[in-house]
Amino acid sequence: MTKTIALSLVLAASLGLAACSKEEAHNAVNAVDNAADNAANAADNAMNAAVNASSNVANHVDNVVDNAANAL
């Protein structure tokens, strides 16, 4: 999905800059592509952080259960 979004942004930038010089258009397309990559990377990082947090909670619960069982 992120590739589709990035491609859409690049296409929109390309069409919007059709009247610009080739170098200006190329630079703008690169900037949009880089911004899309940055957004995709930020989304990936957020997802990884959420997965790690969930895993940490599950580990903590396991430790609490184990400690309770050991106390019996």
Protein backbone atom coordinates (compact mmCIF):
# COMPACT_ATOMS: atom_id res chain seq x y z
CA MET A 1 0.00 0.00 0.00
CA THR A 2 2.83 2.42 0.76
CA LYS A 3 4.25 1.85 -2.71
CA THR A 4 0.86 2.76 -4.19
CA ILE A 5 0.71 5.94 -2.12
CA ALA A 6 4.27 6.85 -3.06
CA LEU A 7 3.58 6.19 -6.74
CA SER A 8 0.41 8.30 -6.57
CA LEU A 9 2.33 11.18 -5.00
CA VAL A 10 5.05 10.96 -7.62
CA LEU A 11 2.48 10.86 -10.41
CA ALA A 12 0.62 13.87 -8.98
CA ALA A 13 3.86 15.80 -8.61
CA SER A 14 4.87 14.91 -12.15
CA LEU A 15 1.59 16.10 -13.61
CA GLY A 16 1.57 19.25 -11.50
CA LEU A 17 5.06 20.16 -12.60
CA ALA A 18 4.67 19.48 -16.29
CA ALA A 19 5.22 23.18 -17.06
CA CYS A 20 8.47 23.30 -15.06
CA SER A 21 11.89 22.59 -16.45
CA LYS A 22 12.98 18.95 -16.48
CA GLU A 23 15.49 19.52 -13.69
CA GLU A 24 12.98 21.32 -11.48
CA ALA A 25 10.41 18.62 -12.09
CA HIS A 26 12.95 15.88 -11.40
CA ASN A 27 14.00 17.54 -8.15
CA ALA A 28 10.39 17.98 -7.07
CA VAL A 29 9.56 14.37 -7.89
CA ASN A 30 12.58 13.22 -5.89
CA ALA A 31 11.49 15.38 -2.95
CA VAL A 32 7.98 13.91 -3.04
CA ASP A 33 9.37 10.39 -3.38
CA ASN A 34 11.69 10.96 -0.43
CA ALA A 35 8.82 12.35 1.64
CA ALA A 36 6.71 9.31 0.80
CA ASP A 37 9.58 7.00 1.77
CA ASN A 38 10.02 8.90 5.04
CA ALA A 39 6.31 8.57 5.79
CA ALA A 40 6.40 4.85 5.02
CA ASN A 41 9.46 4.40 7.24
CA ALA A 42 7.77 6.31 10.07
CA ALA A 43 4.70 4.07 9.73
CA ASP A 44 6.91 0.97 9.81
CA ASN A 45 8.72 2.26 12.89
CA ALA A 46 5.42 2.98 14.64
CA MET A 47 4.17 -0.51 13.82
CA ASN A 48 7.39 -2.07 15.12
CA ALA A 49 7.13 -0.04 18.31
CA ALA A 50 3.55 -1.20 18.83
CA VAL A 51 4.50 -4.84 18.25
CA ASN A 52 7.42 -4.51 20.66
CA ALA A 53 5.23 -2.90 23.30
CA SER A 54 2.64 -5.63 22.93
CA SER A 55 5.34 -8.28 23.21
CA ASN A 56 6.73 -6.60 26.32
CA VAL A 57 3.30 -6.61 27.95
CA ALA A 58 2.82 -10.28 27.12
CA ASN A 59 6.23 -11.10 28.59
CA HIS A 60 5.42 -9.16 31.73
CA VAL A 61 2.12 -11.02 32.13
CA ASP A 62 3.94 -14.33 31.67
CA ASN A 63 6.46 -13.31 34.35
CA VAL A 64 3.69 -12.34 36.77
CA VAL A 65 1.93 -15.66 36.23
CA ASP A 66 5.17 -17.58 36.64
CA ASN A 67 6.00 -15.69 39.84
CA ALA A 68 2.53 -16.39 41.24
CA ALA A 69 2.84 -20.08 40.38
CA ASN A 70 6.28 -20.25 41.99
CA ALA A 71 4.95 -18.62 45.16
CA LEU A 72 2.45 -21.45 45.67
